[in-house]
C-alpha atoms as a PDB file:
ATOM      1  CA  UNK A   1      35.406 -21.718  31.285  1.00  0.00           C
ATOM      2  CA  UNK A   2      31.832 -22.666  30.210  1.00  0.00           C
ATOM      3  CA  UNK A   3      30.922 -22.854  26.768  1.00  0.00           C
ATOM      4  CA  UNK A   4      27.223 -22.646  25.661  1.00  0.00           C
ATOM      5  CA  UNK A   5      25.469 -23.322  22.361  1.00  0.00           C
ATOM      6  CA  UNK A   6      22.487 -21.253  22.026  1.00  0.00           C
ATOM      7  CA  UNK A   7      20.010 -19.578  19.624  1.00  0.00           C
ATOM      8  CA  UNK A   8      17.765 -16.512  19.559  1.00  0.00           C
ATOM      9  CA  UNK A   9      15.399 -18.082  17.003  1.00  0.00           C
ATOM     10  CA  UNK A  10      17.982 -18.300  14.270  1.00  0.00           C
ATOM     11  CA  UNK A  11      20.931 -20.365  13.735  1.00  0.00           C
ATOM     12  CA  UNK A  12      22.731 -21.901  16.695  1.00  0.00           C
ATOM     13  CA  UNK A  13      25.617 -19.589  18.085  1.00  0.00           C
ATOM     14  CA  UNK A  14      28.442 -20.573  20.489  1.00  0.00           C
ATOM     15  CA  UNK A  15      29.362 -18.512  23.507  1.00  0.00           C
ATOM     16  CA  UNK A  16      31.246 -17.980  26.649  1.00  0.00           C
ATOM     17  CA  UNK A  17      29.184 -17.881  29.872  1.00  0.00           C
ATOM     18  CA  UNK A  18      29.851 -14.707  31.901  1.00  0.00           C
ATOM     19  CA  UNK A  19      28.583 -15.784  35.196  1.00  0.00           C
ATOM     20  CA  UNK A  20      28.854 -12.343  36.889  1.00  0.00           C
ATOM     21  CA  UNK A  21      26.727 -10.705  34.186  1.00  0.00           C
ATOM     22  CA  UNK A  22      24.685 -13.728  33.272  1.00  0.00           C
ATOM     23  CA  UNK A  23      25.361 -13.158  29.547  1.00  0.00           C
ATOM     24  CA  UNK A  24      26.974 -15.088  26.737  1.00  0.00           C
ATOM     25  CA  UNK A  25      30.162 -13.575  25.067  1.00  0.00           C
ATOM     26  CA  UNK A  26      29.472 -14.537  21.394  1.00  0.00           C
ATOM     27  CA  UNK A  27      32.224 -16.768  19.809  1.00  0.00           C
ATOM     28  CA  UNK A  28      32.944 -16.543  16.078  1.00  0.00           C
ATOM     29  CA  UNK A  29      32.391 -20.197  15.457  1.00  0.00           C
ATOM     30  CA  UNK A  30      32.229 -23.611  17.040  1.00  0.00           C
ATOM     31  CA  UNK A  31      35.180 -23.314  19.633  1.00  0.00           C
ATOM     32  CA  UNK A  32      36.132 -27.095  18.872  1.00  0.00           C
ATOM     33  CA  UNK A  33      37.222 -25.876  15.538  1.00  0.00           C
ATOM     34  CA  UNK A  34      37.297 -22.004  15.372  1.00  0.00           C
ATOM     35  CA  UNK A  35      39.085 -21.461  18.679  1.00  0.00           C
ATOM     36  CA  UNK A  36      37.834 -18.953  21.179  1.00  0.00           C
ATOM     37  CA  UNK A  37      37.763 -15.786  19.110  1.00  0.00           C
ATOM     38  CA  UNK A  38      34.774 -13.516  20.090  1.00  0.00           C
ATOM     39  CA  UNK A  39      32.813 -11.354  17.899  1.00  0.00           C
ATOM     40  CA  UNK A  40      32.325  -8.381  20.485  1.00  0.00           C
ATOM     41  CA  UNK A  41      28.565  -9.264  20.875  1.00  0.00           C
ATOM     42  CA  UNK A  42      27.115 -10.208  24.107  1.00  0.00           C
ATOM     43  CA  UNK A  43      23.659 -11.755  24.600  1.00  0.00           C
ATOM     44  CA  UNK A  44      21.749 -11.806  27.872  1.00  0.00           C
ATOM     45  CA  UNK A  45      21.373 -15.214  29.077  1.00  0.00           C
ATOM     46  CA  UNK A  46      17.493 -14.559  29.775  1.00  0.00           C
ATOM     47  CA  UNK A  47      16.964 -13.703  25.887  1.00  0.00           C
ATOM     48  CA  UNK A  48      18.527 -16.975  24.633  1.00  0.00           C
ATOM     49  CA  UNK A  49      17.563 -20.680  24.585  1.00  0.00           C
ATOM     50  CA  UNK A  50      20.285 -23.124  25.606  1.00  0.00           C
ATOM     51  CA  UNK A  51      20.701 -25.967  23.142  1.00  0.00           C
ATOM     52  CA  UNK A  52      22.444 -29.191  23.533  1.00  0.00           C
ATOM     53  CA  UNK A  53      26.068 -28.010  23.933  1.00  0.00           C
ATOM     54  CA  UNK A  54      27.258 -30.573  21.211  1.00  0.00           C
ATOM     55  CA  UNK A  55      25.623 -32.630  18.759  1.00  0.00           C
ATOM     56  CA  UNK A  56      28.135 -35.832  18.289  1.00  0.00           C
ATOM     57  CA  UNK A  57      29.169 -36.194  14.497  1.00  0.00           C
ATOM     58  CA  UNK A  58      29.468 -39.633  14.955  1.00  0.00           C
ATOM     59  CA  UNK A  59      28.450 -41.286  18.230  1.00  0.00           C
ATOM     60  CA  UNK A  60      27.806 -41.370  22.012  1.00  0.00           C
ATOM     61  CA  UNK A  61      30.049 -43.820  23.852  1.00  0.00           C
ATOM     62  CA  UNK A  62      28.658 -44.939  27.362  1.00  0.00           C
ATOM     63  CA  UNK A  63      30.091 -46.851  29.990  1.00  0.00           C
ATOM     64  CA  UNK A  64      27.922 -49.183  32.092  1.00  0.00           C
ATOM     65  CA  UNK A  65      28.329 -50.172  35.745  1.00  0.00           C
ATOM     66  CA  UNK A  66      31.224 -47.911  36.564  1.00  0.00           C
ATOM     67  CA  UNK A  67      30.093 -47.510  40.089  1.00  0.00           C
ATOM     68  CA  UNK A  68      30.210 -50.440  42.479  1.00  0.00           C
ATOM     69  CA  UNK A  69      27.065 -49.524  44.261  1.00  0.00           C
ATOM     70  CA  UNK A  70      25.157 -49.115  40.920  1.00  0.00           C
ATOM     71  CA  UNK A  71      26.492 -52.350  39.675  1.00  0.00           C
ATOM     72  CA  UNK A  72      25.231 -54.042  42.858  1.00  0.00           C
ATOM     73  CA  UNK A  73      21.788 -52.623  42.541  1.00  0.00           C
ATOM     74  CA  UNK A  74      21.553 -53.894  39.065  1.00  0.00           C
ATOM     75  CA  UNK A  75      22.227 -57.435  40.304  1.00  0.00           C
ATOM     76  CA  UNK A  76      25.955 -57.997  39.391  1.00  0.00           C
ATOM     77  CA  UNK A  77      29.387 -57.208  40.094  1.00  0.00           C
ATOM     78  CA  UNK A  78      31.465 -54.282  38.339  1.00  0.00           C
ATOM     79  CA  UNK A  79      33.080 -55.298  35.156  1.00  0.00           C
ATOM     80  CA  UNK A  80      36.970 -55.582  35.327  1.00  0.00           C
ATOM     81  CA  UNK A  81      37.283 -53.494  32.071  1.00  0.00           C
ATOM     82  CA  UNK A  82      34.941 -50.709  30.905  1.00  0.00           C
ATOM     83  CA  UNK A  83      31.736 -52.026  29.728  1.00  0.00           C
ATOM     84  CA  UNK A  84      30.898 -49.768  26.719  1.00  0.00           C
ATOM     85  CA  UNK A  85      27.993 -49.447  24.373  1.00  0.00           C
ATOM     86  CA  UNK A  86      26.724 -46.895  21.874  1.00  0.00           C
ATOM     87  CA  UNK A  87      23.597 -44.422  21.762  1.00  0.00           C
ATOM     88  CA  UNK A  88      22.861 -42.909  18.625  1.00  0.00           C
ATOM     89  CA  UNK A  89      23.389 -39.142  18.051  1.00  0.00           C
ATOM     90  CA  UNK A  90      19.639 -38.873  17.465  1.00  0.00           C
ATOM     91  CA  UNK A  91      19.022 -39.557  21.149  1.00  0.00           C
ATOM     92  CA  UNK A  92      20.549 -36.049  22.142  1.00  0.00           C
ATOM     93  CA  UNK A  93      18.380 -33.445  23.200  1.00  0.00           C
ATOM     94  CA  UNK A  94      19.230 -30.192  25.150  1.00  0.00           C
ATOM     95  CA  UNK A  95      18.196 -28.481  28.442  1.00  0.00           C
ATOM     96  CA  UNK A  96      14.285 -28.068  28.830  1.00  0.00           C
ATOM     97  CA  UNK A  97      13.634 -30.485  25.868  1.00  0.00           C
ATOM     98  CA  UNK A  98      11.383 -33.156  26.593  1.00  0.00           C
ATOM     99  CA  UNK A  99      12.032 -36.794  27.145  1.00  0.00           C
ATOM    100  CA  UNK A 100       9.566 -38.615  25.239  1.00  0.00           C
ATOM    101  CA  UNK A 101       8.369 -41.820  26.968  1.00  0.00           C
ATOM    102  CA  UNK A 102       7.942 -44.643  24.433  1.00  0.00           C
ATOM    103  CA  UNK A 103       4.516 -46.530  24.920  1.00  0.00           C
ATOM    104  CA  UNK A 104       6.598 -49.920  24.665  1.00  0.00           C
ATOM    105  CA  UNK A 105       8.076 -49.268  27.930  1.00  0.00           C
ATOM    106  CA  UNK A 106       6.429 -49.442  31.333  1.00  0.00           C
ATOM    107  CA  UNK A 107       9.487 -48.214  33.339  1.00  0.00           C
ATOM    108  CA  UNK A 108      11.908 -45.401  32.156  1.00  0.00           C
ATOM    109  CA  UNK A 109      14.701 -44.708  34.452  1.00  0.00           C
ATOM    110  CA  UNK A 110      17.197 -41.828  34.951  1.00  0.00           C
ATOM    111  CA  UNK A 111      21.059 -42.257  35.076  1.00  0.00           C
ATOM    112  CA  UNK A 112      22.744 -39.035  36.010  1.00  0.00           C
ATOM    113  CA  UNK A 113      26.393 -38.876  34.689  1.00  0.00           C
ATOM    114  CA  UNK A 114      29.490 -36.753  33.947  1.00  0.00           C
ATOM    115  CA  UNK A 115      30.038 -36.785  30.122  1.00  0.00           C
ATOM    116  CA  UNK A 116      33.569 -36.216  28.280  1.00  0.00           C
ATOM    117  CA  UNK A 117      33.468 -34.111  25.080  1.00  0.00           C
ATOM    118  CA  UNK A 118      36.001 -35.140  22.891  1.00  0.00           C
ATOM    119  CA  UNK A 119      37.999 -32.291  20.914  1.00  0.00           C
ATOM    120  CA  UNK A 120      40.270 -34.100  18.506  1.00  0.00           C
ATOM    121  CA  UNK A 121      40.489 -37.089  16.444  1.00  0.00           C
ATOM    122  CA  UNK A 122      41.619 -39.772  18.944  1.00  0.00           C
ATOM    123  CA  UNK A 123      42.693 -43.373  18.392  1.00  0.00           C
ATOM    124  CA  UNK A 124      44.780 -45.722  20.313  1.00  0.00           C
ATOM    125  CA  UNK A 125      45.070 -42.788  22.918  1.00  0.00           C
ATOM    126  CA  UNK A 126      47.244 -43.665  26.053  1.00  0.00           C
ATOM    127  CA  UNK A 127      45.766 -43.008  29.288  1.00  0.00           C
ATOM    128  CA  UNK A 128      48.547 -40.462  30.239  1.00  0.00           C
ATOM    129  CA  UNK A 129      47.750 -38.615  26.958  1.00  0.00           C
ATOM    130  CA  UNK A 130      43.648 -38.771  27.360  1.00  0.00           C
ATOM    131  CA  UNK A 131      43.622 -35.007  28.576  1.00  0.00           C
ATOM    132  CA  UNK A 132      45.167 -33.752  25.290  1.00  0.00           C
ATOM    133  CA  UNK A 133      42.076 -35.277  23.279  1.00  0.00           C
ATOM    134  CA  UNK A 134      39.615 -33.823  25.755  1.00  0.00           C
ATOM    135  CA  UNK A 135      37.654 -30.609  25.089  1.00  0.00           C
ATOM    136  CA  UNK A 136      35.602 -30.387  28.245  1.00  0.00           C
ATOM    137  CA  UNK A 137      32.817 -32.162  30.439  1.00  0.00           C
ATOM    138  CA  UNK A 138      29.101 -31.732  30.440  1.00  0.00           C
ATOM    139  CA  UNK A 139      26.418 -33.416  32.095  1.00  0.00           C
ATOM    140  CA  UNK A 140      24.261 -36.178  30.760  1.00  0.00           C
ATOM    141  CA  UNK A 141      21.271 -38.341  31.422  1.00  0.00           C
ATOM    142  CA  UNK A 142      21.588 -41.989  30.187  1.00  0.00           C
ATOM    143  CA  UNK A 143      17.935 -42.327  29.957  1.00  0.00           C
ATOM    144  CA  UNK A 144      16.953 -46.203  30.138  1.00  0.00           C
ATOM    145  CA  UNK A 145      13.629 -48.197  29.211  1.00  0.00           C
ATOM    146  CA  UNK A 146      14.764 -50.667  31.939  1.00  0.00           C
ATOM    147  CA  UNK A 147      12.115 -53.294  31.131  1.00  0.00           C
ATOM    148  CA  UNK A 148      13.259 -53.455  27.668  1.00  0.00           C
ATOM    149  CA  UNK A 149      16.738 -53.612  28.475  1.00  0.00           C
ATOM    150  CA  UNK A 150      15.936 -56.821  30.436  1.00  0.00           C
ATOM    151  CA  UNK A 151      13.571 -58.337  27.890  1.00  0.00           C
ATOM    152  CA  UNK A 152      15.946 -57.485  24.833  1.00  0.00           C
ATOM    153  CA  UNK A 153      18.940 -58.842  26.404  1.00  0.00           C
ATOM    154  CA  UNK A 154      21.000 -56.156  24.942  1.00  0.00           C
ATOM    155  CA  UNK A 155      20.892 -52.401  25.032  1.00  0.00           C
ATOM    156  CA  UNK A 156      20.551 -50.709  21.825  1.00  0.00           C
ATOM    157  CA  UNK A 157      16.645 -49.966  21.910  1.00  0.00           C
ATOM    158  CA  UNK A 158      16.473 -49.504  25.609  1.00  0.00           C
ATOM    159  CA  UNK A 159      18.954 -46.903  25.618  1.00  0.00           C
ATOM    160  CA  UNK A 160      18.926 -45.485  22.155  1.00  0.00           C
ATOM    161  CA  UNK A 161      15.298 -44.055  21.645  1.00  0.00           C
ATOM    162  CA  UNK A 162      14.959 -40.500  20.560  1.00  0.00           C
ATOM    163  CA  UNK A 163      15.454 -38.112  23.343  1.00  0.00           C
ATOM    164  CA  UNK A 164      17.184 -40.625  25.417  1.00  0.00           C
ATOM    165  CA  UNK A 165      20.417 -38.695  25.882  1.00  0.00           C
ATOM    166  CA  UNK A 166      19.872 -35.071  27.304  1.00  0.00           C
ATOM    167  CA  UNK A 167      23.229 -33.132  27.363  1.00  0.00           C
ATOM    168  CA  UNK A 168      24.057 -29.784  29.007  1.00  0.00           C
ATOM    169  CA  UNK A 169      23.823 -27.084  29.947  1.00  0.00           C
ATOM    170  CA  UNK A 170      27.305 -26.359  29.510  1.00  0.00           C
ATOM    171  CA  UNK A 171      30.805 -27.599  28.544  1.00  0.00           C
ATOM    172  CA  UNK A 172      33.125 -26.848  31.355  1.00  0.00           C
ATOM    173  CA  UNK A 173      36.490 -26.752  29.974  1.00  0.00           C
ATOM    174  CA  UNK A 174      38.533 -26.828  33.040  1.00  0.00           C
ATOM    175  CA  UNK A 175      36.604 -29.169  35.508  1.00  0.00           C
ATOM    176  CA  UNK A 176      38.519 -31.054  37.964  1.00  0.00           C
ATOM    177  CA  UNK A 177      36.767 -34.487  37.702  1.00  0.00           C
ATOM    178  CA  UNK A 178      38.585 -36.331  40.336  1.00  0.00           C
ATOM    179  CA  UNK A 179      36.370 -35.462  43.062  1.00  0.00           C
ATOM    180  CA  UNK A 180      33.128 -34.024  41.705  1.00  0.00           C
ATOM    181  CA  UNK A 181      29.484 -34.432  43.171  1.00  0.00           C
ATOM    182  CA  UNK A 182      26.698 -35.743  41.109  1.00  0.00           C
ATOM    183  CA  UNK A 183      22.995 -35.496  42.156  1.00  0.00           C
ATOM    184  CA  UNK A 184      19.715 -36.465  40.357  1.00  0.00           C
ATOM    185  CA  UNK A 185      16.399 -35.069  41.502  1.00  0.00           C
ATOM    186  CA  UNK A 186      12.911 -35.937  40.141  1.00  0.00           C
ATOM    187  CA  UNK A 187      10.532 -33.253  40.935  1.00  0.00           C
ATOM    188  CA  UNK A 188      12.994 -31.792  43.408  1.00  0.00           C
ATOM    189  CA  UNK A 189      13.354 -35.167  45.394  1.00  0.00           C
ATOM    190  CA  UNK A 190      16.790 -36.481  45.539  1.00  0.00           C
ATOM    191  CA  UNK A 191      17.225 -39.905  43.957  1.00  0.00           C
ATOM    192  CA  UNK A 192      21.093 -40.088  43.216  1.00  0.00           C
ATOM    193  CA  UNK A 193      23.831 -38.694  45.308  1.00  0.00           C
ATOM    194  CA  UNK A 194      27.366 -39.536  44.198  1.00  0.00           C
ATOM    195  CA  UNK A 195      30.744 -38.595  43.607  1.00  0.00           C
ATOM    196  CA  UNK A 196      33.267 -39.134  40.631  1.00  0.00           C
ATOM    197  CA  UNK A 197      35.876 -40.419  43.064  1.00  0.00           C
ATOM    198  CA  UNK A 198      33.943 -43.532  43.201  1.00  0.00           C
ATOM    199  CA  UNK A 199      34.211 -44.300  39.621  1.00  0.00           C
ATOM    200  CA  UNK A 200      35.794 -47.797  39.108  1.00  0.00           C
ATOM    201  CA  UNK A 201      37.505 -46.794  35.708  1.00  0.00           C
ATOM    202  CA  UNK A 202      38.733 -43.507  35.625  1.00  0.00           C
ATOM    203  CA  UNK A 203      38.406 -40.926  32.733  1.00  0.00           C
ATOM    204  CA  UNK A 204      41.928 -41.411  31.292  1.00  0.00           C
ATOM    205  CA  UNK A 205      41.384 -45.206  31.210  1.00  0.00           C
ATOM    206  CA  UNK A 206      37.838 -44.802  29.606  1.00  0.00           C
ATOM    207  CA  UNK A 207      39.304 -42.728  26.676  1.00  0.00           C
ATOM    208  CA  UNK A 208      42.106 -45.084  26.247  1.00  0.00           C
ATOM    209  CA  UNK A 209      39.815 -48.120  26.130  1.00  0.00           C
ATOM    210  CA  UNK A 210      37.092 -46.484  24.010  1.00  0.00           C
ATOM    211  CA  UNK A 211      39.888 -44.997  21.432  1.00  0.00           C
ATOM    212  CA  UNK A 212      41.155 -48.546  21.235  1.00  0.00           C
ATOM    213  CA  UNK A 213      37.796 -49.809  19.825  1.00  0.00           C
ATOM    214  CA  UNK A 214      36.548 -46.731  17.835  1.00  0.00           C
ATOM    215  CA  UNK A 215      38.245 -43.835  16.263  1.00  0.00           C
ATOM    216  CA  UNK A 216      36.846 -40.803  18.553  1.00  0.00           C
ATOM    217  CA  UNK A 217      35.997 -37.512  16.568  1.00  0.00           C
ATOM    218  CA  UNK A 218      35.897 -33.937  17.562  1.00  0.00           C
ATOM    219  CA  UNK A 219      32.200 -33.566  19.346  1.00  0.00           C
ATOM    220  CA  UNK A 220      31.889 -37.275  20.338  1.00  0.00           C
ATOM    221  CA  UNK A 221      30.646 -37.575  23.886  1.00  0.00           C
ATOM    222  CA  UNK A 222      31.358 -40.332  26.437  1.00  0.00           C
ATOM    223  CA  UNK A 223      29.179 -41.043  29.254  1.00  0.00           C
ATOM    224  CA  UNK A 224      31.371 -42.158  32.307  1.00  0.00           C
ATOM    225  CA  UNK A 225      28.557 -44.221  34.164  1.00  0.00           C
ATOM    226  CA  UNK A 226      26.135 -43.452  36.831  1.00  0.00           C
ATOM    227  CA  UNK A 227      26.128 -43.736  40.568  1.00  0.00           C
ATOM    228  CA  UNK A 228      23.716 -45.822  42.501  1.00  0.00           C
ATOM    229  CA  UNK A 229      19.999 -44.712  42.805  1.00  0.00           C
ATOM    230  CA  UNK A 230      18.715 -44.933  39.295  1.00  0.00           C
ATOM    231  CA  UNK A 231      15.066 -44.863  39.255  1.00  0.00           C
ATOM    232  CA  UNK A 232      11.620 -44.367  37.303  1.00  0.00           C
ATOM    233  CA  UNK A 233      10.014 -41.166  36.217  1.00  0.00           C
ATOM    234  CA  UNK A 234       6.646 -40.598  34.534  1.00  0.00           C
ATOM    235  CA  UNK A 235       4.735 -38.261  32.259  1.00  0.00           C
ATOM    236  CA  UNK A 236       4.786 -34.729  33.808  1.00  0.00           C
ATOM    237  CA  UNK A 237       7.748 -34.983  35.922  1.00  0.00           C
ATOM    238  CA  UNK A 238      11.031 -33.262  35.620  1.00  0.00           C
ATOM    239  CA  UNK A 239      14.426 -34.827  35.879  1.00  0.00           C
ATOM    240  CA  UNK A 240      17.410 -32.599  36.995  1.00  0.00           C
ATOM    241  CA  UNK A 241      21.018 -33.741  37.015  1.00  0.00           C
ATOM    242  CA  UNK A 242      23.378 -31.405  38.955  1.00  0.00           C
ATOM    243  CA  UNK A 243      27.144 -31.712  38.713  1.00  0.00           C
ATOM    244  CA  UNK A 244      29.177 -29.232  40.882  1.00  0.00           C
ATOM    245  CA  UNK A 245      31.401 -27.064  38.683  1.00  0.00           C
ATOM    246  CA  UNK A 246      29.081 -27.323  35.667  1.00  0.00           C
ATOM    247  CA  UNK A 247      25.519 -26.681  36.664  1.00  0.00           C
ATOM    248  CA  UNK A 248      22.058 -28.439  36.340  1.00  0.00           C
ATOM    249  CA  UNK A 249      20.452 -30.281  33.310  1.00  0.00           C
ATOM    250  CA  UNK A 250      16.872 -30.235  33.497  1.00  0.00           C
ATOM    251  CA  UNK A 251      14.427 -32.092  31.305  1.00  0.00           C
ATOM    252  CA  UNK A 252      10.501 -32.562  31.584  1.00  0.00           C
ATOM    253  CA  UNK A 253       9.044 -36.059  30.598  1.00  0.00           C
ATOM    254  CA  UNK A 254       6.079 -36.575  28.508  1.00  0.00           C
ATOM    255  CA  UNK A 255       4.225 -39.385  26.867  1.00  0.00           C
ATOM    256  CA  UNK A 256       4.576 -39.919  23.222  1.00  0.00           C
END
């Protein structure tokens, strides 16, 4: 089931995507808290603006170097335990929103990733119980100012700018993440082509590790790492991240 957060110019609404009719079946409230009760109303997708499927209430957790080939292209070996960091919730934008390129950076790069959406309070979750705290999965772009990442020596600024965490277009509640293709394109040219089966640290272990450090709250998002092929994009270009079973997240880039 694909959950969408959208608007028609007023307050955000939640719906279930009816793919055959290309309509949103409107839900009574945020399904993470109100369940999947419907209102009886339907909205044609063409008449709605898709928003980020969730705005994390506290944090975006991200995993670095979780694919061996990406770790190698970054000049090192993959870590033996998940390498986690935070992105602020103010970095989140939705499909179609512009990634704003900061003037301080001369090299902003894309990192297409599968993202976990947490559905309940989670602390010290065992790997075998991880599924019980996962609401669903969406697509993320862990945008990174690569030159600032290297010069700063830590990642908060380079990965934390406003607009540096596009999410969407949907939350898929029933995704089989074990063998799922991920592709990133810049102006239609494929730059990343990977598969979740190549993740070093799998989703249950990531949830267990992250929840051993922080209490995860409903709506928090975990980015699971990016395959090899990260690269730059510039003003006027469009970055698309496609994940089989979810859809395509598309964002233009513009200078500040």
